[in-house]
Amino acid sequence: MKTNIYKLIAIFVLLLILGCNNKAATTSEEKHEEGNENFVELTDEQMKQTQIEIGKAQKRKIGNELSVNGMIDVPPQSNLSITVPYGGFLKFTDMLPGTRLRKGQLVARVENPDFIEFQRDYLEAVAKNEYLKADYERQETLNKESVSSTKVFQKAKSDYLINKANIQALESKLKMVGINPSNVNNGRVSSIVNVYSPINGVVREVYVNTGKYFGSEDVLMDITNAEDLHVELKVYEDDIPLIKNEQRIRFRLANEPDKWMEAEIFLIGNNVSDDRSITIHGHLKEKNQELLPGMFVNAKIEVGAREAYAVPEEAIVRFDGNHYVFVAGEKRREGETIVTDFEMIPITKGTEEEGFVAITLEDKNKDISTTRLVIKDAFTILAKAKNSEEGGHGHGH
């Protein structure tokens, strides 16, 4: 009887021990799962299938940059409006906004009956000139010989000089409307004139359609000299003391956020506007045919330089609105497999320059100078870590 009681006690103690062990194991596993949400491990075979590189943050001299906004613009002298003195009817144009032009290229043909009157007046004046000149010279000779009165001579001289001035004025009028006086002298009279581009540039806007009458004050089209583009940026009052001539500007278009271009400050405004800002202007380092006046840009002005620890852009990943890097552990053996552990830790991004980004670790207990980081292809680890979590493997096994 006593023997049976001892057996029952032994079995009960054994079951109690096993239950405690299982509970401890479960608790340990849960803690392992909960504590490794930002951990992932990769085997050597998996690592070979990626472009992951492990290194350390480099201490670099990175420009301290001021973020501003602005637009592509041109100086006033580079914006031209095409007009035709005395107006007329637009007979032809194939210009559209955005059309690129060469200096001297035909942009329009304009017809006006008044142009024929100008040419007729000019031809009449030229025809009278020979007679008036000859009469003037004859009266001058007679006056010297006291054969003719001074009054007659002066009248001949006045008529000749008035007609000569009239010819010069009519020549200027013809040139102003685009008619070559030499062509008129050779008998080529027309009511239609050609209009040519005075510069290399881009058509900004066309205001008159074919067949429409326009006056002398009306603009046919606006043309911009695209070779004189610059960046116009707005800097607010608090940052004005930081701005100096010849500072470097990096800028990008809104539709090409990864394509940075460069400029250099050449002019700083000295009037503070109602919104407490000034305008600064930057010369482009290189010409770019894709840029057009009026395009909006995001820009960074280099207002100084400082030393900071930096990593390549592809070392940083973004998740849930925050930025992270991966810390690489030492290789370890897990059964027959060699694995490397990676921990995703939060960072604060700083200035970006030439493919490098200044960073600081939010965990102040870690020394960034000695921490081994994934410096290339970090997104691959992020993808594995988060895919593993979705599959129920919190630490990426």
Protein backbone atom coordinates (compact mmCIF):
# COMPACT_ATOMS: atom_id res chain seq x y z
CA MET A 1 0.00 0.00 0.00
CA LYS A 2 2.77 2.38 0.95
CA THR A 3 4.60 1.41 -2.23
CA ASN A 4 1.62 2.54 -4.38
CA ILE A 5 1.41 5.84 -2.55
CA TYR A 6 5.13 6.47 -3.20
CA LYS A 7 4.66 5.69 -6.90
CA LEU A 8 1.75 8.14 -7.18
CA ILE A 9 3.78 10.88 -5.48
CA ALA A 10 6.74 10.27 -7.82
CA ILE A 11 4.49 10.48 -10.92
CA PHE A 12 2.88 13.70 -9.66
CA VAL A 13 6.29 15.32 -9.03
CA LEU A 14 7.49 14.28 -12.51
CA LEU A 15 4.41 15.77 -14.19
CA LEU A 16 4.88 18.96 -12.19
CA ILE A 17 8.50 19.29 -13.29
CA LEU A 18 7.63 18.67 -16.96
CA GLY A 19 4.84 21.23 -16.81
CA CYS A 20 7.15 23.84 -15.34
CA ASN A 21 9.80 23.13 -17.98
CA ASN A 22 7.24 23.47 -20.80
CA LYS A 23 5.93 26.71 -19.35
CA ALA A 24 9.45 28.08 -18.97
CA ALA A 25 10.26 27.09 -22.54
CA THR A 26 7.07 28.72 -23.84
CA THR A 27 7.75 31.89 -21.88
CA SER A 28 11.33 31.97 -23.10
CA GLU A 29 10.18 31.50 -26.71
CA GLU A 30 7.56 34.26 -26.37
CA LYS A 31 10.15 36.61 -24.97
CA HIS A 32 12.48 35.68 -27.82
CA GLU A 33 9.73 36.45 -30.33
CA GLU A 34 8.77 39.73 -28.69
CA GLY A 35 12.34 40.93 -28.26
CA ASN A 36 13.39 40.31 -31.86
CA GLU A 37 10.86 42.22 -33.92
CA ASN A 38 13.66 44.27 -35.53
CA PHE A 39 16.03 41.34 -35.96
CA VAL A 40 16.64 39.21 -39.03
CA GLU A 41 19.23 36.55 -39.77
CA LEU A 42 20.67 35.55 -43.14
CA THR A 43 22.67 32.47 -43.95
CA ASP A 44 25.89 32.66 -45.94
CA GLU A 45 24.03 31.15 -48.91
CA GLN A 46 21.38 33.86 -48.69
CA MET A 47 24.03 36.55 -48.40
CA LYS A 48 25.64 35.36 -51.64
CA GLN A 49 22.38 36.03 -53.47
CA THR A 50 22.35 39.72 -52.44
CA GLN A 51 24.58 42.75 -52.95
CA ILE A 52 24.82 43.41 -49.22
CA GLU A 53 28.03 45.04 -48.04
CA ILE A 54 29.05 45.56 -44.43
CA GLY A 55 31.19 48.48 -43.33
CA LYS A 56 31.27 51.50 -41.04
CA ALA A 57 30.04 55.07 -41.23
CA GLN A 58 32.69 57.38 -42.65
CA LYS A 59 33.61 60.75 -41.22
CA ARG A 60 33.15 63.20 -44.08
CA LYS A 61 33.05 66.94 -44.58
CA ILE A 62 29.45 67.51 -45.65
CA GLY A 63 27.97 70.85 -46.59
CA ASN A 64 25.41 72.30 -44.22
CA GLU A 65 22.46 73.03 -46.50
CA LEU A 66 19.44 75.31 -46.32
CA SER A 67 16.28 73.95 -47.99
CA VAL A 68 14.36 76.50 -50.08
CA ASN A 69 11.92 76.63 -53.00
CA GLY A 70 11.84 78.69 -56.16
CA MET A 71 11.57 78.56 -59.93
CA ILE A 72 13.49 78.68 -63.19
CA ASP A 73 13.51 82.23 -64.54
CA VAL A 74 15.30 84.57 -66.95
CA PRO A 75 16.33 88.23 -66.59
CA PRO A 76 13.91 90.79 -68.09
CA GLN A 77 16.17 91.46 -71.06
CA SER A 78 15.86 87.82 -72.09
CA ASN A 79 12.07 87.95 -72.44
CA LEU A 80 11.04 89.40 -75.80
CA SER A 81 7.62 90.21 -77.20
CA ILE A 82 7.21 89.99 -80.98
CA THR A 83 5.18 92.89 -82.36
CA VAL A 84 4.69 94.39 -85.84
CA PRO A 85 4.55 98.19 -86.18
CA TYR A 86 1.27 99.29 -87.80
CA GLY A 87 -0.27 95.83 -87.18
CA GLY A 88 -1.98 93.80 -89.89
CA PHE A 89 -3.53 90.41 -90.58
CA LEU A 90 -1.64 87.28 -89.53
CA LYS A 91 -1.27 85.25 -92.72
CA PHE A 92 0.89 82.41 -91.37
CA THR A 93 2.58 81.03 -88.26
CA ASP A 94 3.41 77.50 -87.17
CA MET A 95 4.72 78.50 -83.77
CA LEU A 96 3.46 76.73 -80.64
CA PRO A 97 4.38 77.28 -76.97
CA GLY A 98 7.62 75.40 -76.33
CA THR A 99 8.91 75.65 -79.92
CA ARG A 100 12.67 76.19 -79.94
CA LEU A 101 13.92 78.92 -82.27
CA ARG A 102 17.15 79.94 -83.96
CA LYS A 103 18.04 83.58 -84.43
CA GLY A 104 16.70 84.69 -87.84
CA GLN A 105 14.13 81.88 -88.11
CA LEU A 106 10.78 82.77 -89.71
CA VAL A 107 8.03 82.95 -87.07
CA ALA A 108 5.15 84.66 -88.95
CA ARG A 109 3.94 86.39 -92.12
CA VAL A 110 1.81 89.53 -91.79
CA GLU A 111 -0.25 91.40 -94.41
CA ASN A 112 -1.18 95.09 -94.30
CA PRO A 113 -2.29 97.31 -97.27
CA ASP A 114 -0.49 100.23 -95.63
CA PHE A 115 2.81 98.50 -96.39
CA ILE A 116 2.20 99.14 -100.11
CA GLU A 117 1.64 102.83 -99.40
CA PHE A 118 4.97 103.00 -97.55
CA GLN A 119 6.78 101.44 -100.50
CA ARG A 120 5.06 103.74 -103.03
CA ASP A 121 6.00 106.83 -101.01
CA TYR A 122 9.56 105.59 -100.84
CA LEU A 123 9.79 104.98 -104.60
CA GLU A 124 8.33 108.43 -105.33
CA ALA A 125 10.88 110.07 -103.06
CA VAL A 126 13.73 108.14 -104.68
CA ALA A 127 12.46 109.11 -108.14
CA LYS A 128 12.35 112.83 -107.23
CA ASN A 129 15.79 112.70 -105.67
CA GLU A 130 17.78 112.72 -108.92
CA TYR A 131 15.94 115.77 -110.30
CA LEU A 132 16.12 117.72 -107.03
CA LYS A 133 19.80 116.95 -106.63
CA ALA A 134 20.59 118.10 -110.16
CA ASP A 135 18.54 121.31 -109.73
CA TYR A 136 20.29 122.02 -106.41
CA GLU A 137 23.75 121.60 -107.95
CA ARG A 138 22.79 123.77 -110.97
CA GLN A 139 21.40 126.57 -108.79
CA GLU A 140 24.50 126.39 -106.61
CA THR A 141 26.71 126.98 -109.68
CA LEU A 142 24.53 129.81 -110.98
CA ASN A 143 24.49 131.45 -107.58
CA LYS A 144 28.27 131.41 -107.39
CA GLU A 145 28.40 133.10 -110.82
CA SER A 146 25.76 135.61 -109.66
CA VAL A 147 23.48 134.50 -112.46
CA SER A 148 20.75 133.23 -110.12
CA SER A 149 19.46 134.79 -106.96
CA THR A 150 20.33 133.42 -103.55
CA LYS A 151 16.63 132.89 -102.81
CA VAL A 152 16.20 130.54 -105.76
CA PHE A 153 19.34 128.65 -104.77
CA GLN A 154 18.20 128.25 -101.17
CA LYS A 155 14.79 126.99 -102.33
CA ALA A 156 16.44 124.32 -104.53
CA LYS A 157 18.76 123.34 -101.68
CA SER A 158 15.86 123.07 -99.22
CA ASP A 159 13.75 120.92 -101.56
CA TYR A 160 16.67 118.56 -102.13
CA LEU A 161 17.57 118.17 -98.45
CA ILE A 162 13.90 117.72 -97.42
CA ASN A 163 13.46 114.95 -99.99
CA LYS A 164 16.73 113.33 -98.92
CA ALA A 165 15.58 113.30 -95.29
CA ASN A 166 12.23 111.89 -96.43
CA ILE A 167 14.00 109.03 -98.21
CA GLN A 168 16.00 108.19 -95.04
CA ALA A 169 12.86 108.28 -92.91
CA LEU A 170 10.95 106.04 -95.34
CA GLU A 171 13.88 103.60 -95.47
CA SER A 172 13.80 103.38 -91.67
CA LYS A 173 10.03 102.84 -91.73
CA LEU A 174 10.38 100.02 -94.26
CA LYS A 175 13.11 98.34 -92.24
CA MET A 176 11.04 98.69 -89.09
CA VAL A 177 8.17 96.70 -90.62
CA GLY A 178 10.58 94.17 -92.11
CA ILE A 179 10.90 95.36 -95.73
CA ASN A 180 14.30 95.63 -97.39
CA PRO A 181 14.56 98.98 -99.29
CA SER A 182 16.90 97.36 -101.82
CA ASN A 183 14.15 94.92 -102.80
CA VAL A 184 11.73 97.82 -103.26
CA ASN A 185 14.25 99.64 -105.47
CA ASN A 186 14.46 96.49 -107.59
CA GLY A 187 10.69 96.49 -108.08
CA ARG A 188 9.68 93.89 -105.50
CA VAL A 189 6.66 95.48 -103.80
CA SER A 190 4.46 93.41 -101.50
CA SER A 191 1.76 93.88 -98.87
CA ILE A 192 3.15 90.89 -96.90
CA VAL A 193 6.18 91.00 -94.63
CA ASN A 194 8.08 88.19 -92.92
CA VAL A 195 8.71 88.30 -89.19
CA TYR A 196 11.92 86.67 -87.90
CA SER A 197 13.13 85.66 -84.44
CA PRO A 198 15.70 88.15 -83.11
CA ILE A 199 17.28 85.58 -80.75
CA ASN A 200 17.89 81.91 -80.08
CA GLY A 201 15.12 80.98 -77.72
CA VAL A 202 11.85 79.26 -76.89
CA VAL A 203 8.29 80.37 -77.69
CA ARG A 204 6.52 80.98 -74.40
CA GLU A 205 3.07 81.96 -75.68
CA VAL A 206 1.29 82.73 -78.96
CA TYR A 207 -1.55 85.27 -78.77
CA VAL A 208 -2.84 85.69 -82.35
CA ASN A 209 -4.27 83.04 -84.67
CA THR A 210 -4.03 82.93 -88.45
CA GLY A 211 -6.40 85.33 -90.23
CA LYS A 212 -6.87 87.60 -87.21
CA TYR A 213 -6.22 91.34 -87.36
CA PHE A 214 -4.00 92.82 -84.67
CA GLY A 215 -2.92 96.36 -83.91
CA SER A 216 0.53 97.85 -83.52
CA GLU A 217 0.24 97.57 -79.72
CA ASP A 218 -0.73 93.89 -79.79
CA VAL A 219 1.82 91.12 -79.10
CA LEU A 220 2.04 88.24 -81.59
CA MET A 221 4.04 85.98 -79.29
CA ASP A 222 6.51 85.99 -76.40
CA ILE A 223 9.97 84.49 -76.82
CA THR A 224 12.49 83.69 -74.09
CA ASN A 225 16.23 83.44 -74.49
CA ALA A 226 16.71 79.94 -73.07
CA GLU A 227 20.49 80.37 -72.93
CA ASP A 228 20.21 82.80 -70.03
CA LEU A 229 18.14 80.73 -67.59
CA HIS A 230 18.85 81.02 -63.88
CA VAL A 231 17.42 79.79 -60.58
CA GLU A 232 15.33 82.26 -58.59
CA LEU A 233 14.89 81.24 -54.95
CA LYS A 234 13.09 82.65 -51.92
CA VAL A 235 15.00 82.88 -48.61
CA TYR A 236 13.21 83.91 -45.43
CA GLU A 237 14.32 86.55 -42.95
CA ASP A 238 15.89 84.25 -40.32
CA ASP A 239 18.19 82.64 -42.90
CA ILE A 240 19.25 85.78 -44.80
CA PRO A 241 22.52 86.24 -42.80
CA LEU A 242 23.65 82.78 -43.96
CA ILE A 243 23.51 83.67 -47.68
CA LYS A 244 26.65 84.76 -49.56
CA ASN A 245 27.57 85.21 -53.22
CA GLU A 246 29.20 82.21 -54.94
CA GLN A 247 27.57 79.70 -52.58
CA ARG A 248 26.68 76.38 -54.19
CA ILE A 249 23.05 75.58 -55.00
CA ARG A 250 21.70 72.08 -55.67
CA PHE A 251 18.23 71.98 -57.18
CA ARG A 252 15.78 69.52 -58.73
CA LEU A 253 12.48 69.65 -60.58
CA ALA A 254 9.33 68.43 -58.86
CA ASN A 255 8.82 65.71 -61.49
CA GLU A 256 12.46 64.47 -61.28
CA PRO A 257 13.25 64.26 -57.55
CA ASP A 258 16.35 62.10 -58.04
CA LYS A 259 18.04 64.33 -60.64
CA TRP A 260 20.06 67.10 -58.98
CA MET A 261 21.51 70.05 -60.92
CA GLU A 262 23.88 72.77 -59.73
CA ALA A 263 23.99 76.56 -59.72
CA GLU A 264 25.92 79.31 -57.96
CA ILE A 265 24.57 82.43 -56.25
CA PHE A 266 25.44 85.61 -58.19
CA LEU A 267 22.84 88.09 -56.93
CA ILE A 268 21.19 88.60 -53.52
CA GLY A 269 18.13 90.83 -53.25
CA ASN A 270 18.23 93.67 -50.72
CA ASN A 271 14.50 94.27 -50.28
CA VAL A 272 12.50 92.21 -47.80
CA SER A 273 9.02 91.48 -49.20
CA ASP A 274 5.74 91.38 -47.30
CA ASP A 275 6.20 87.68 -46.50
CA ARG A 276 9.59 88.50 -44.87
CA SER A 277 11.72 86.99 -47.60
CA ILE A 278 14.29 88.07 -50.17
CA THR A 279 14.96 86.73 -53.67
CA ILE A 280 18.33 85.30 -54.66
CA HIS A 281 19.53 84.32 -58.13
CA GLY A 282 21.88 81.53 -59.18
CA HIS A 283 23.72 80.93 -62.46
CA LEU A 284 23.38 77.40 -63.83
CA LYS A 285 26.61 75.40 -63.87
CA GLU A 286 25.52 73.56 -67.04
CA LYS A 287 22.92 74.27 -69.71
CA ASN A 288 19.95 71.93 -69.71
CA GLN A 289 17.54 71.80 -72.65
CA GLU A 290 14.80 70.37 -70.42
CA LEU A 291 14.57 73.49 -68.27
CA LEU A 292 11.95 76.09 -69.13
CA PRO A 293 11.08 79.42 -67.47
CA GLY A 294 8.41 79.08 -64.82
CA MET A 295 9.30 75.53 -63.73
CA PHE A 296 9.17 75.11 -59.94
CA VAL A 297 12.22 73.71 -58.15
CA ASN A 298 13.25 72.42 -54.74
CA ALA A 299 16.73 73.61 -53.85
CA LYS A 300 19.41 73.34 -51.19
CA ILE A 301 21.90 76.16 -50.58
CA GLU A 302 25.25 75.16 -49.11
CA VAL A 303 25.78 77.63 -46.29
CA GLY A 304 28.77 75.97 -44.65
CA ALA A 305 30.46 72.63 -44.14
CA ARG A 306 30.94 70.38 -41.11
CA GLU A 307 32.38 66.97 -40.33
CA ALA A 308 29.84 64.23 -39.69
CA TYR A 309 29.51 60.47 -39.82
CA ALA A 310 27.83 59.54 -43.09
CA VAL A 311 26.70 56.41 -44.94
CA PRO A 312 25.72 55.81 -48.57
CA GLU A 313 22.07 56.55 -49.38
CA GLU A 314 21.33 52.85 -49.95
CA ALA A 315 22.34 52.05 -46.36
CA ILE A 316 19.19 53.80 -45.10
CA VAL A 317 15.70 52.31 -45.21
CA ARG A 318 12.36 53.94 -44.48
CA PHE A 319 9.61 52.13 -42.60
CA ASP A 320 6.42 53.49 -41.03
CA GLY A 321 7.61 57.05 -41.63
CA ASN A 322 10.94 56.58 -39.80
CA HIS A 323 14.52 56.02 -41.01
CA TYR A 324 16.66 53.04 -40.03
CA VAL A 325 19.99 51.34 -40.65
CA PHE A 326 20.96 47.70 -40.02
CA VAL A 327 23.67 46.78 -37.52
CA ALA A 328 25.51 43.63 -38.52
CA GLY A 329 26.45 41.05 -35.88
CA GLU A 330 29.32 38.58 -36.04
CA LYS A 331 28.88 35.32 -37.95
CA ARG A 332 27.74 32.41 -35.82
CA ARG A 333 27.04 28.73 -36.36
CA GLU A 334 23.51 27.37 -36.09
CA GLY A 335 23.75 23.63 -36.56
CA GLU A 336 25.42 23.06 -39.93
CA THR A 337 24.65 26.62 -41.11
CA ILE A 338 26.64 29.86 -40.76
CA VAL A 339 24.35 32.84 -40.16
CA THR A 340 24.69 36.59 -39.57
CA ASP A 341 22.26 38.53 -37.39
CA PHE A 342 21.10 42.02 -38.34
CA GLU A 343 19.33 44.51 -36.11
CA MET A 344 17.27 47.40 -37.49
CA ILE A 345 17.91 50.52 -35.42
CA PRO A 346 16.43 54.04 -35.77
CA ILE A 347 18.52 57.00 -36.93
CA THR A 348 18.17 60.70 -37.56
CA LYS A 349 19.03 61.82 -41.09
CA GLY A 350 21.15 64.91 -41.66
CA THR A 351 22.53 66.63 -44.75
CA GLU A 352 22.76 64.73 -48.05
CA GLU A 353 25.62 65.30 -50.47
CA GLU A 354 27.05 63.38 -53.43
CA GLY A 355 25.31 60.13 -52.52
CA PHE A 356 26.15 60.23 -48.79
CA VAL A 357 23.87 61.10 -45.89
CA ALA A 358 24.96 62.33 -42.47
CA ILE A 359 23.34 60.25 -39.70
CA THR A 360 23.18 60.05 -35.92
CA LEU A 361 22.09 56.95 -33.98
CA GLU A 362 19.10 57.48 -31.71
CA ASP A 363 20.52 54.89 -29.30
CA LYS A 364 23.19 57.00 -27.55
CA ASN A 365 24.73 53.88 -26.01
CA LYS A 366 26.00 52.78 -29.42
CA ASP A 367 29.25 54.24 -30.78
CA ILE A 368 28.69 55.01 -34.46
CA SER A 369 32.43 55.04 -35.17
CA THR A 370 32.80 51.34 -34.27
CA THR A 371 29.37 49.97 -35.20
CA ARG A 372 29.32 47.59 -38.16
CA LEU A 373 26.55 48.65 -40.53
CA VAL A 374 25.01 47.41 -43.75
CA ILE A 375 26.18 50.08 -46.22
CA LYS A 376 24.72 48.62 -49.40
CA ASP A 377 21.45 46.86 -50.34
CA ALA A 378 19.85 47.42 -46.95
CA PHE A 379 16.39 47.29 -48.50
CA THR A 380 16.84 43.55 -49.16
CA ILE A 381 17.17 42.93 -45.42
CA LEU A 382 14.16 45.14 -44.70
CA ALA A 383 12.09 43.17 -47.20
CA LYS A 384 13.10 39.85 -45.61
CA ALA A 385 12.52 41.10 -42.08
CA LYS A 386 9.04 42.41 -42.76
CA ASN A 387 8.04 39.48 -44.98
CA SER A 388 9.15 37.11 -42.22
CA GLU A 389 7.05 38.99 -39.67
CA GLU A 390 3.98 38.68 -41.90
CA GLY A 391 4.63 34.96 -42.11
CA GLY A 392 4.69 34.65 -38.29
CA HIS A 393 8.48 34.51 -37.81
CA GLY A 394 9.23 37.57 -35.79
CA HIS A 395 13.01 37.41 -36.06
CA GLY A 396 13.26 36.35 -39.66
CA HIS A 397 14.21 32.68 -39.34
